[in-house]
C-alpha cells in the first residue's frame, strides 16, 4: 500500500483547510463587492459579474474537494437539483423576509 503524501495530509487537516479557504473566500467576497459598487448603475453588468464570481467560487470549491479532500463532489451533482435548489431558495427568501426586511422598514 502506498504511503500518503505528507503535504496532502497537511492540506487535509481541518484547521489548514480553514486557513486556506477562509482568506481565499474573504478576498473573493471583497472583489465581488468591489465590482458591485463599481457597476451599481448598470444592473445587467452587476448581475453578470455576480454570476461569474459565483461560477468561480463553485470551480474553486470543486477543485478543492476533488484534489485536496480527494472525494467526489456529490453536493454539486445534478440529480435532485430542482428540489434542493427550490427548497434552498425558499428558505433563503424566508430568512431574508424575517431578518432583513424588518430592518429596512425602520424602527417601530
PDB file of N, CA and C in Angstrom:
ATOM      1  N   UNK A   1       0.853  -1.189   0.000  1.00  0.00           N
ATOM      2  CA  UNK A   1       0.000   0.000   0.000  1.00  0.00           C
ATOM      3  C   UNK A   1       0.889   1.239   0.000  1.00  0.00           C
ATOM      4  N   UNK A   2       0.532   2.219  -0.824  1.00  0.00           N
ATOM      5  CA  UNK A   2       1.345   3.430  -0.957  1.00  0.00           C
ATOM      6  C   UNK A   2       1.158   4.333   0.264  1.00  0.00           C
ATOM      7  N   UNK A   3       2.250   4.956   0.681  1.00  0.00           N
ATOM      8  CA  UNK A   3       2.214   5.871   1.818  1.00  0.00           C
ATOM      9  C   UNK A   3       1.649   7.222   1.356  1.00  0.00           C
ATOM     10  N   UNK A   4       0.670   7.794   2.093  1.00  0.00           N
ATOM     11  CA  UNK A   4       0.085   9.071   1.686  1.00  0.00           C
ATOM     12  C   UNK A   4       1.147  10.180   1.682  1.00  0.00           C
ATOM     13  N   UNK A   5       0.988  11.092   0.756  1.00  0.00           N
ATOM     14  CA  UNK A   5       1.869  12.231   0.627  1.00  0.00           C
ATOM     15  C   UNK A   5       1.755  13.111   1.875  1.00  0.00           C
ATOM     16  N   UNK A   6       2.880  13.522   2.461  1.00  0.00           N
ATOM     17  CA  UNK A   6       2.868  14.341   3.683  1.00  0.00           C
ATOM     18  C   UNK A   6       2.193  15.683   3.442  1.00  0.00           C
ATOM     19  N   UNK A   7       2.488  16.313   2.309  1.00  0.00           N
ATOM     20  CA  UNK A   7       1.870  17.605   2.006  1.00  0.00           C
ATOM     21  C   UNK A   7       0.363  17.466   1.897  1.00  0.00           C
ATOM     22  N   UNK A   8      -0.107  16.410   1.271  1.00  0.00           N
ATOM     23  CA  UNK A   8      -1.538  16.183   1.145  1.00  0.00           C
ATOM     24  C   UNK A   8      -2.173  15.952   2.509  1.00  0.00           C
ATOM     25  N   UNK A   9      -1.503  15.222   3.381  1.00  0.00           N
ATOM     26  CA  UNK A   9      -2.028  15.004   4.734  1.00  0.00           C
ATOM     27  C   UNK A   9      -2.132  16.329   5.489  1.00  0.00           C
ATOM     28  N   UNK A  10      -1.143  17.204   5.315  1.00  0.00           N
ATOM     29  CA  UNK A  10      -1.176  18.517   5.964  1.00  0.00           C
ATOM     30  C   UNK A  10      -2.338  19.342   5.417  1.00  0.00           C
ATOM     31  N   UNK A  11      -2.499  19.347   4.082  1.00  0.00           N
ATOM     32  CA  UNK A  11      -3.576  20.125   3.455  1.00  0.00           C
ATOM     33  C   UNK A  11      -4.958  19.601   3.827  1.00  0.00           C
ATOM     34  N   UNK A  12      -5.065  18.328   4.154  1.00  0.00           N
ATOM     35  CA  UNK A  12      -6.351  17.746   4.513  1.00  0.00           C
ATOM     36  C   UNK A  12      -6.722  17.970   5.980  1.00  0.00           C
ATOM     37  N   UNK A  13      -5.799  18.475   6.770  1.00  0.00           N
ATOM     38  CA  UNK A  13      -6.097  18.756   8.176  1.00  0.00           C
ATOM     39  C   UNK A  13      -7.132  19.885   8.244  1.00  0.00           C
ATOM     40  N   UNK A  14      -8.225  19.729   9.021  1.00  0.00           N
ATOM     41  CA  UNK A  14      -9.315  20.706   9.012  1.00  0.00           C
ATOM     42  C   UNK A  14      -8.888  22.153   9.281  1.00  0.00           C
ATOM     43  N   UNK A  15      -8.002  22.390  10.227  1.00  0.00           N
ATOM     44  CA  UNK A  15      -7.586  23.762  10.511  1.00  0.00           C
ATOM     45  C   UNK A  15      -6.834  24.360   9.325  1.00  0.00           C
ATOM     46  N   UNK A  16      -6.020  23.575   8.672  1.00  0.00           N
ATOM     47  CA  UNK A  16      -5.279  24.055   7.496  1.00  0.00           C
ATOM     48  C   UNK A  16      -6.257  24.376   6.367  1.00  0.00           C
ATOM     49  N   UNK A  17      -7.286  23.539   6.194  1.00  0.00           N
ATOM     50  CA  UNK A  17      -8.293  23.823   5.160  1.00  0.00           C
ATOM     51  C   UNK A  17      -8.989  25.144   5.441  1.00  0.00           C
ATOM     52  N   UNK A  18      -9.313  25.392   6.702  1.00  0.00           N
ATOM     53  CA  UNK A  18      -9.935  26.678   7.051  1.00  0.00           C
ATOM     54  C   UNK A  18      -8.996  27.851   6.799  1.00  0.00           C
ATOM     55  N   UNK A  19      -7.729  27.666   7.125  1.00  0.00           N
ATOM     56  CA  UNK A  19      -6.759  28.742   6.934  1.00  0.00           C
ATOM     57  C   UNK A  19      -6.477  29.013   5.459  1.00  0.00           C
ATOM     58  N   UNK A  20      -6.703  28.036   4.605  1.00  0.00           N
ATOM     59  CA  UNK A  20      -6.522  28.244   3.170  1.00  0.00           C
ATOM     60  C   UNK A  20      -7.791  28.826   2.546  1.00  0.00           C
ATOM     61  N   UNK A  21      -8.918  28.170   2.775  1.00  0.00           N
ATOM     62  CA  UNK A  21     -10.152  28.603   2.125  1.00  0.00           C
ATOM     63  C   UNK A  21     -10.740  29.871   2.733  1.00  0.00           C
ATOM     64  N   UNK A  22     -10.583  30.088   4.023  1.00  0.00           N
ATOM     65  CA  UNK A  22     -11.152  31.272   4.665  1.00  0.00           C
ATOM     66  C   UNK A  22     -10.672  32.570   4.031  1.00  0.00           C
ATOM     67  N   UNK A  23      -9.366  32.826   4.016  1.00  0.00           N
ATOM     68  CA  UNK A  23      -8.879  34.066   3.391  1.00  0.00           C
ATOM     69  C   UNK A  23      -9.199  34.137   1.895  1.00  0.00           C
ATOM     70  N   UNK A  24      -9.174  33.005   1.216  1.00  0.00           N
ATOM     71  CA  UNK A  24      -9.492  33.000  -0.210  1.00  0.00           C
ATOM     72  C   UNK A  24     -10.929  33.454  -0.444  1.00  0.00           C
ATOM     73  N   UNK A  25     -11.851  32.931   0.346  1.00  0.00           N
ATOM     74  CA  UNK A  25     -13.253  33.336   0.221  1.00  0.00           C
ATOM     75  C   UNK A  25     -13.453  34.790   0.649  1.00  0.00           C
ATOM     76  N   UNK A  26     -12.739  35.222   1.676  1.00  0.00           N
ATOM     77  CA  UNK A  26     -12.836  36.605   2.132  1.00  0.00           C
ATOM     78  C   UNK A  26     -12.409  37.574   1.023  1.00  0.00           C
ATOM     79  N   UNK A  27     -11.311  37.262   0.353  1.00  0.00           N
ATOM     80  CA  UNK A  27     -10.832  38.099  -0.756  1.00  0.00           C
ATOM     81  C   UNK A  27     -11.829  38.067  -1.911  1.00  0.00           C
ATOM     82  N   UNK A  28     -12.361  36.893  -2.215  1.00  0.00           N
ATOM     83  CA  UNK A  28     -13.330  36.775  -3.308  1.00  0.00           C
ATOM     84  C   UNK A  28     -14.580  37.610  -3.029  1.00  0.00           C
ATOM     85  N   UNK A  29     -15.043  37.611  -1.789  1.00  0.00           N
ATOM     86  CA  UNK A  29     -16.210  38.418  -1.434  1.00  0.00           C
ATOM     87  C   UNK A  29     -15.885  39.904  -1.567  1.00  0.00           C
ATOM     88  N   UNK A  30     -14.691  40.299  -1.151  1.00  0.00           N
ATOM     89  CA  UNK A  30     -14.279  41.693  -1.293  1.00  0.00           C
ATOM     90  C   UNK A  30     -14.202  42.123  -2.743  1.00  0.00           C
ATOM     91  N   UNK A  31     -13.640  41.278  -3.588  1.00  0.00           N
ATOM     92  CA  UNK A  31     -13.559  41.590  -5.021  1.00  0.00           C
ATOM     93  C   UNK A  31     -14.962  41.693  -5.609  1.00  0.00           C
ATOM     94  N   UNK A  32     -15.820  40.754  -5.255  1.00  0.00           N
ATOM     95  CA  UNK A  32     -17.193  40.770  -5.750  1.00  0.00           C
ATOM     96  C   UNK A  32     -17.921  42.046  -5.317  1.00  0.00           C
ATOM     97  N   UNK A  33     -17.775  42.432  -4.059  1.00  0.00           N
ATOM     98  CA  UNK A  33     -18.419  43.660  -3.583  1.00  0.00           C
ATOM     99  C   UNK A  33     -17.860  44.887  -4.290  1.00  0.00           C
ATOM    100  N   UNK A  34     -16.554  44.894  -4.576  1.00  0.00           N
ATOM    101  CA  UNK A  34     -15.965  45.995  -5.322  1.00  0.00           C
ATOM    102  C   UNK A  34     -16.601  46.137  -6.699  1.00  0.00           C
ATOM    103  N   UNK A  35     -16.810  45.002  -7.368  1.00  0.00           N
ATOM    104  CA  UNK A  35     -17.472  45.038  -8.672  1.00  0.00           C
ATOM    105  C   UNK A  35     -18.914  45.517  -8.540  1.00  0.00           C
ATOM    106  N   UNK A  36     -19.595  45.090  -7.478  1.00  0.00           N
ATOM    107  CA  UNK A  36     -20.984  45.504  -7.290  1.00  0.00           C
ATOM    108  C   UNK A  36     -21.090  47.025  -7.126  1.00  0.00           C
ATOM    109  N   UNK A  37     -20.172  47.618  -6.374  1.00  0.00           N
ATOM    110  CA  UNK A  37     -20.187  49.074  -6.206  1.00  0.00           C
ATOM    111  C   UNK A  37     -19.805  49.778  -7.503  1.00  0.00           C
ATOM    112  N   UNK A  38     -18.850  49.213  -8.239  1.00  0.00           N
ATOM    113  CA  UNK A  38     -18.410  49.812  -9.487  1.00  0.00           C
ATOM    114  C   UNK A  38     -19.529  49.826 -10.520  1.00  0.00           C
ATOM    115  N   UNK A  39     -20.287  48.752 -10.586  1.00  0.00           N
ATOM    116  CA  UNK A  39     -21.332  48.635 -11.599  1.00  0.00           C
ATOM    117  C   UNK A  39     -22.734  48.795 -11.010  1.00  0.00           C
ATOM    118  N   UNK A  40     -22.859  49.551  -9.933  1.00  0.00           N
ATOM    119  CA  UNK A  40     -24.161  49.727  -9.278  1.00  0.00           C
ATOM    120  C   UNK A  40     -25.177  50.389 -10.211  1.00  0.00           C
ATOM    121  N   UNK A  41     -24.707  51.264 -11.100  1.00  0.00           N
ATOM    122  CA  UNK A  41     -25.612  51.961 -12.018  1.00  0.00           C
ATOM    123  C   UNK A  41     -25.993  51.091 -13.216  1.00  0.00           C
ATOM    124  N   UNK A  42     -25.325  49.958 -13.391  1.00  0.00           N
ATOM    125  CA  UNK A  42     -25.593  49.060 -14.520  1.00  0.00           C
ATOM    126  C   UNK A  42     -25.981  47.687 -13.987  1.00  0.00           C
ATOM    127  N   UNK A  43     -27.255  47.489 -13.675  1.00  0.00           N
ATOM    128  CA  UNK A  43     -27.675  46.232 -13.051  1.00  0.00           C
ATOM    129  C   UNK A  43     -27.368  44.985 -13.875  1.00  0.00           C
ATOM    130  N   UNK A  44     -27.452  45.070 -15.196  1.00  0.00           N
ATOM    131  CA  UNK A  44     -27.187  43.898 -16.023  1.00  0.00           C
ATOM    132  C   UNK A  44     -25.717  43.471 -15.901  1.00  0.00           C
ATOM    133  N   UNK A  45     -24.815  44.439 -15.888  1.00  0.00           N
ATOM    134  CA  UNK A  45     -23.390  44.131 -15.746  1.00  0.00           C
ATOM    135  C   UNK A  45     -23.122  43.593 -14.342  1.00  0.00           C
ATOM    136  N   UNK A  46     -23.738  44.214 -13.332  1.00  0.00           N
ATOM    137  CA  UNK A  46     -23.561  43.751 -11.952  1.00  0.00           C
ATOM    138  C   UNK A  46     -24.049  42.310 -11.799  1.00  0.00           C
ATOM    139  N   UNK A  47     -25.159  41.970 -12.440  1.00  0.00           N
ATOM    140  CA  UNK A  47     -25.684  40.612 -12.387  1.00  0.00           C
ATOM    141  C   UNK A  47     -24.731  39.631 -13.078  1.00  0.00           C
ATOM    142  N   UNK A  48     -24.188  40.038 -14.216  1.00  0.00           N
ATOM    143  CA  UNK A  48     -23.237  39.173 -14.933  1.00  0.00           C
ATOM    144  C   UNK A  48     -21.977  38.948 -14.095  1.00  0.00           C
ATOM    145  N   UNK A  49     -21.494  39.997 -13.446  1.00  0.00           N
ATOM    146  CA  UNK A  49     -20.305  39.867 -12.599  1.00  0.00           C
ATOM    147  C   UNK A  49     -20.600  38.957 -11.409  1.00  0.00           C
ATOM    148  N   UNK A  50     -21.763  39.110 -10.808  1.00  0.00           N
ATOM    149  CA  UNK A  50     -22.138  38.250  -9.679  1.00  0.00           C
ATOM    150  C   UNK A  50     -22.227  36.791 -10.119  1.00  0.00           C
ATOM    151  N   UNK A  51     -22.794  36.544 -11.294  1.00  0.00           N
ATOM    152  CA  UNK A  51     -22.885  35.173 -11.808  1.00  0.00           C
ATOM    153  C   UNK A  51     -21.487  34.609 -12.075  1.00  0.00           C
ATOM    154  N   UNK A  52     -20.610  35.429 -12.636  1.00  0.00           N
ATOM    155  CA  UNK A  52     -19.247  34.977 -12.905  1.00  0.00           C
ATOM    156  C   UNK A  52     -18.503  34.666 -11.605  1.00  0.00           C
ATOM    157  N   UNK A  53     -18.653  35.512 -10.590  1.00  0.00           N
ATOM    158  CA  UNK A  53     -17.997  35.270  -9.301  1.00  0.00           C
ATOM    159  C   UNK A  53     -18.545  34.005  -8.644  1.00  0.00           C
ATOM    160  N   UNK A  54     -19.851  33.766  -8.780  1.00  0.00           N
ATOM    161  CA  UNK A  54     -20.433  32.533  -8.232  1.00  0.00           C
ATOM    162  C   UNK A  54     -19.861  31.319  -8.958  1.00  0.00           C
ATOM    163  N   UNK A  55     -19.704  31.416 -10.278  1.00  0.00           N
ATOM    164  CA  UNK A  55     -19.130  30.314 -11.050  1.00  0.00           C
ATOM    165  C   UNK A  55     -17.680  30.057 -10.639  1.00  0.00           C
ATOM    166  N   UNK A  56     -16.919  31.123 -10.441  1.00  0.00           N
ATOM    167  CA  UNK A  56     -15.533  30.967  -9.997  1.00  0.00           C
ATOM    168  C   UNK A  56     -15.495  30.297  -8.623  1.00  0.00           C
ATOM    169  N   UNK A  57     -16.389  30.706  -7.733  1.00  0.00           N
ATOM    170  CA  UNK A  57     -16.460  30.097  -6.403  1.00  0.00           C
ATOM    171  C   UNK A  57     -16.772  28.609  -6.468  1.00  0.00           C
ATOM    172  N   UNK A  58     -17.698  28.228  -7.341  1.00  0.00           N
ATOM    173  CA  UNK A  58     -18.032  26.809  -7.486  1.00  0.00           C
ATOM    174  C   UNK A  58     -16.866  26.009  -8.053  1.00  0.00           C
ATOM    175  N   UNK A  59     -16.144  26.591  -9.003  1.00  0.00           N
ATOM    176  CA  UNK A  59     -14.990  25.896  -9.582  1.00  0.00           C
ATOM    177  C   UNK A  59     -13.894  25.720  -8.531  1.00  0.00           C
ATOM    178  N   UNK A  60     -13.644  26.761  -7.742  1.00  0.00           N
ATOM    179  CA  UNK A  60     -12.626  26.665  -6.688  1.00  0.00           C
ATOM    180  C   UNK A  60     -13.034  25.590  -5.672  1.00  0.00           C
ATOM    181  N   UNK A  61     -14.302  25.589  -5.278  1.00  0.00           N
ATOM    182  CA  UNK A  61     -14.781  24.583  -4.331  1.00  0.00           C
ATOM    183  C   UNK A  61     -14.642  23.181  -4.917  1.00  0.00           C
ATOM    184  N   UNK A  62     -15.071  23.006  -6.178  1.00  0.00           N
ATOM    185  CA  UNK A  62     -14.980  21.705  -6.815  1.00  0.00           C
ATOM    186  C   UNK A  62     -13.528  21.223  -6.848  1.00  0.00           C
ATOM    187  N   UNK A  63     -12.622  22.109  -7.254  1.00  0.00           N
ATOM    188  CA  UNK A  63     -11.207  21.733  -7.349  1.00  0.00           C
ATOM    189  C   UNK A  63     -10.643  21.372  -5.974  1.00  0.00           C
ATOM    190  N   UNK A  64     -11.001  22.144  -4.965  1.00  0.00           N
ATOM    191  CA  UNK A  64     -10.506  21.884  -3.615  1.00  0.00           C
ATOM    192  C   UNK A  64     -10.976  20.523  -3.116  1.00  0.00           C
ATOM    193  N   UNK A  65     -12.271  20.252  -3.271  1.00  0.00           N
ATOM    194  CA  UNK A  65     -12.819  18.976  -2.805  1.00  0.00           C
ATOM    195  C   UNK A  65     -12.230  17.816  -3.600  1.00  0.00           C
ATOM    196  N   UNK A  66     -12.119  17.983  -4.898  1.00  0.00           N
ATOM    197  CA  UNK A  66     -11.640  16.891  -5.758  1.00  0.00           C
ATOM    198  C   UNK A  66     -10.169  16.584  -5.545  1.00  0.00           C
ATOM    199  N   UNK A  67      -9.335  17.629  -5.436  1.00  0.00           N
ATOM    200  CA  UNK A  67      -7.898  17.403  -5.407  1.00  0.00           C
ATOM    201  C   UNK A  67      -7.288  17.404  -4.001  1.00  0.00           C
ATOM    202  N   UNK A  68      -7.853  18.166  -3.075  1.00  0.00           N
ATOM    203  CA  UNK A  68      -7.315  18.197  -1.711  1.00  0.00           C
ATOM    204  C   UNK A  68      -8.016  17.145  -0.842  1.00  0.00           C
ATOM    205  N   UNK A  69      -9.337  17.194  -0.801  1.00  0.00           N
ATOM    206  CA  UNK A  69     -10.071  16.218   0.008  1.00  0.00           C
ATOM    207  C   UNK A  69     -10.117  14.850  -0.671  1.00  0.00           C
ATOM    208  N   UNK A  70      -9.900  14.818  -1.955  1.00  0.00           N
ATOM    209  CA  UNK A  70      -9.889  13.597  -2.764  1.00  0.00           C
ATOM    210  C   UNK A  70     -11.146  12.762  -2.580  1.00  0.00           C
ATOM    211  N   UNK A  71     -12.273  13.419  -2.830  1.00  0.00           N
ATOM    212  CA  UNK A  71     -13.548  12.720  -2.779  1.00  0.00           C
ATOM    213  C   UNK A  71     -14.445  13.267  -3.884  1.00  0.00           C
ATOM    214  N   UNK A  72     -15.465  12.528  -4.272  1.00  0.00           N
ATOM    215  CA  UNK A  72     -16.404  13.041  -5.280  1.00  0.00           C
ATOM    216  C   UNK A  72     -17.181  14.229  -4.713  1.00  0.00           C
ATOM    217  N   UNK A  73     -17.504  15.161  -5.561  1.00  0.00           N
ATOM    218  CA  UNK A  73     -18.226  16.366  -5.130  1.00  0.00           C
ATOM    219  C   UNK A  73     -19.722  16.100  -5.292  1.00  0.00           C
ATOM    220  N   UNK A  74     -20.261  15.264  -4.422  1.00  0.00           N
ATOM    221  CA  UNK A  74     -21.671  14.848  -4.519  1.00  0.00           C
ATOM    222  C   UNK A  74     -22.631  16.003  -4.263  1.00  0.00           C
ATOM    223  N   UNK A  75     -22.222  16.969  -3.455  1.00  0.00           N
ATOM    224  CA  UNK A  75     -23.135  18.064  -3.119  1.00  0.00           C
ATOM    225  C   UNK A  75     -23.399  19.002  -4.290  1.00  0.00           C
ATOM    226  N   UNK A  76     -22.641  18.869  -5.378  1.00  0.00           N
ATOM    227  CA  UNK A  76     -22.884  19.678  -6.575  1.00  0.00           C
ATOM    228  C   UNK A  76     -23.415  18.832  -7.731  1.00  0.00           C
ATOM    229  N   UNK A  77     -23.910  17.620  -7.449  1.00  0.00           N
ATOM    230  CA  UNK A  77     -24.396  16.741  -8.511  1.00  0.00           C
ATOM    231  C   UNK A  77     -25.777  17.205  -8.991  1.00  0.00           C
ATOM    232  N   UNK A  78     -26.129  16.822 -10.212  1.00  0.00           N
ATOM    233  CA  UNK A  78     -27.375  17.263 -10.826  1.00  0.00           C
ATOM    234  C   UNK A  78     -28.622  16.506 -10.371  1.00  0.00           C
ATOM    235  N   UNK A  79     -28.557  15.208 -10.055  1.00  0.00           N
ATOM    236  CA  UNK A  79     -29.788  14.533  -9.612  1.00  0.00           C
ATOM    237  C   UNK A  79     -30.362  15.183  -8.347  1.00  0.00           C
ATOM    238  N   UNK A  80     -31.634  15.538  -8.416  1.00  0.00           N
ATOM    239  CA  UNK A  80     -32.297  16.153  -7.277  1.00  0.00           C
ATOM    240  C   UNK A  80     -32.046  17.639  -7.129  1.00  0.00           C
ATOM    241  N   UNK A  81     -31.418  18.272  -8.131  1.00  0.00           N
ATOM    242  CA  UNK A  81     -31.065  19.681  -8.003  1.00  0.00           C
ATOM    243  C   UNK A  81     -32.309  20.580  -7.917  1.00  0.00           C
ATOM    244  N   UNK A  82     -33.358  20.197  -8.642  1.00  0.00           N
ATOM    245  CA  UNK A  82     -34.566  21.026  -8.649  1.00  0.00           C
ATOM    246  C   UNK A  82     -35.172  21.170  -7.263  1.00  0.00           C
ATOM    247  N   UNK A  83     -35.350  20.063  -6.596  1.00  0.00           N
ATOM    248  CA  UNK A  83     -35.950  20.076  -5.260  1.00  0.00           C
ATOM    249  C   UNK A  83     -35.052  20.797  -4.260  1.00  0.00           C
ATOM    250  N   UNK A  84     -33.765  20.479  -4.296  1.00  0.00           N
ATOM    251  CA  UNK A  84     -32.846  21.091  -3.333  1.00  0.00           C
ATOM    252  C   UNK A  84     -32.661  22.584  -3.595  1.00  0.00           C
ATOM    253  N   UNK A  85     -32.554  22.977  -4.861  1.00  0.00           N
ATOM    254  CA  UNK A  85     -32.413  24.393  -5.194  1.00  0.00           C
ATOM    255  C   UNK A  85     -33.670  25.166  -4.814  1.00  0.00           C
ATOM    256  N   UNK A  86     -34.815  24.585  -5.132  1.00  0.00           N
ATOM    257  CA  UNK A  86     -36.079  25.237  -4.779  1.00  0.00           C
ATOM    258  C   UNK A  86     -36.237  25.407  -3.271  1.00  0.00           C
ATOM    259  N   UNK A  87     -35.933  24.358  -2.528  1.00  0.00           N
ATOM    260  CA  UNK A  87     -36.035  24.431  -1.067  1.00  0.00           C
ATOM    261  C   UNK A  87     -35.041  25.449  -0.510  1.00  0.00           C
ATOM    262  N   UNK A  88     -33.825  25.454  -1.037  1.00  0.00           N
ATOM    263  CA  UNK A  88     -32.826  26.419  -0.578  1.00  0.00           C
ATOM    264  C   UNK A  88     -33.228  27.856  -0.861  1.00  0.00           C
ATOM    265  N   UNK A  89     -33.801  28.079  -2.038  1.00  0.00           N
ATOM    266  CA  UNK A  89     -34.233  29.443  -2.380  1.00  0.00           C
ATOM    267  C   UNK A  89     -35.404  29.887  -1.505  1.00  0.00           C
ATOM    268  N   UNK A  90     -36.327  28.976  -1.232  1.00  0.00           N
ATOM    269  CA  UNK A  90     -37.449  29.321  -0.352  1.00  0.00           C
ATOM    270  C   UNK A  90     -36.971  29.616   1.070  1.00  0.00           C
ATOM    271  N   UNK A  91     -36.072  28.811   1.571  1.00  0.00           N
ATOM    272  CA  UNK A  91     -35.537  29.051   2.919  1.00  0.00           C
ATOM    273  C   UNK A  91     -34.767  30.367   2.948  1.00  0.00           C
ATOM    274  N   UNK A  92     -33.946  30.622   1.927  1.00  0.00           N
ATOM    275  CA  UNK A  92     -33.196  31.880   1.858  1.00  0.00           C
ATOM    276  C   UNK A  92     -34.110  33.083   1.784  1.00  0.00           C
ATOM    277  N   UNK A  93     -35.153  33.008   0.959  1.00  0.00           N
ATOM    278  CA  UNK A  93     -36.102  34.117   0.849  1.00  0.00           C
ATOM    279  C   UNK A  93     -36.832  34.319   2.180  1.00  0.00           C
ATOM    280  N   UNK A  94     -37.202  33.215   2.824  1.00  0.00           N
ATOM    281  CA  UNK A  94     -37.870  33.329   4.123  1.00  0.00           C
ATOM    282  C   UNK A  94     -36.981  33.983   5.172  1.00  0.00           C
ATOM    283  N   UNK A  95     -35.728  33.586   5.215  1.00  0.00           N
ATOM    284  CA  UNK A  95     -34.790  34.207   6.160  1.00  0.00           C
ATOM    285  C   UNK A  95     -34.597  35.688   5.854  1.00  0.00           C
ATOM    286  N   UNK A  96     -34.536  36.032   4.569  1.00  0.00           N
ATOM    287  CA  UNK A  96     -34.399  37.438   4.186  1.00  0.00           C
ATOM    288  C   UNK A  96     -35.604  38.245   4.657  1.00  0.00           C
ATOM    289  N   UNK A  97     -36.802  37.702   4.449  1.00  0.00           N
ATOM    290  CA  UNK A  97     -38.017  38.396   4.863  1.00  0.00           C
ATOM    291  C   UNK A  97     -38.048  38.585   6.375  1.00  0.00           C
ATOM    292  N   UNK A  98     -37.658  37.552   7.100  1.00  0.00           N
ATOM    293  CA  UNK A  98     -37.725  37.610   8.563  1.00  0.00           C
ATOM    294  C   UNK A  98     -36.622  38.487   9.155  1.00  0.00           C
ATOM    295  N   UNK A  99     -35.409  38.435   8.586  1.00  0.00           N
ATOM    296  CA  UNK A  99     -34.265  39.093   9.214  1.00  0.00           C
ATOM    297  C   UNK A  99     -33.894  40.436   8.597  1.00  0.00           C
ATOM    298  N   UNK A 100     -34.033  40.590   7.294  1.00  0.00           N
ATOM    299  CA  UNK A 100     -33.554  41.800   6.636  1.00  0.00           C
ATOM    300  C   UNK A 100     -34.670  42.809   6.410  1.00  0.00           C
ATOM    301  N   UNK A 101     -35.810  42.363   5.948  1.00  0.00           N
ATOM    302  CA  UNK A 101     -36.883  43.297   5.625  1.00  0.00           C
ATOM    303  C   UNK A 101     -37.344  44.136   6.813  1.00  0.00           C
ATOM    304  N   UNK A 102     -37.451  43.595   8.027  1.00  0.00           N
ATOM    305  CA  UNK A 102     -37.831  44.457   9.157  1.00  0.00           C
ATOM    306  C   UNK A 102     -36.816  45.584   9.397  1.00  0.00           C
ATOM    307  N   UNK A 103     -35.565  45.364   9.090  1.00  0.00           N
ATOM    308  CA  UNK A 103     -34.554  46.400   9.279  1.00  0.00           C
ATOM    309  C   UNK A 103     -34.729  47.546   8.289  1.00  0.00           C
ATOM    310  N   UNK A 104     -35.233  47.268   7.088  1.00  0.00           N
ATOM    311  CA  UNK A 104     -35.398  48.300   6.080  1.00  0.00           C
ATOM    312  C   UNK A 104     -36.611  49.179   6.352  1.00  0.00           C
ATOM    313  N   UNK A 105     -37.563  48.680   7.130  1.00  0.00           N
ATOM    314  CA  UNK A 105     -38.783  49.462   7.374  1.00  0.00           C
ATOM    315  C   UNK A 105     -38.575  50.498   8.474  1.00  0.00           C
ATOM    316  N   UNK A 106     -37.454  50.443   9.158  1.00  0.00           N
ATOM    317  CA  UNK A 106     -37.172  51.426  10.199  1.00  0.00           C
ATOM    318  C   UNK A 106     -37.622  50.952  11.563  1.00  0.00           C
ATOM    319  N   UNK A 107     -37.304  51.766  12.571  1.00  0.00           N
ATOM    320  CA  UNK A 107     -37.689  51.375  13.940  1.00  0.00           C
ATOM    321  C   UNK A 107     -39.202  51.407  14.111  1.00  0.00           C
ATOM    322  N   UNK A 108     -39.721  50.576  15.019  1.00  0.00           N
ATOM    323  CA  UNK A 108     -41.185  50.522  15.234  1.00  0.00           C
ATOM    324  C   UNK A 108     -41.730  51.762  15.854  1.00  0.00           C
TER     325      UNK A 108
END
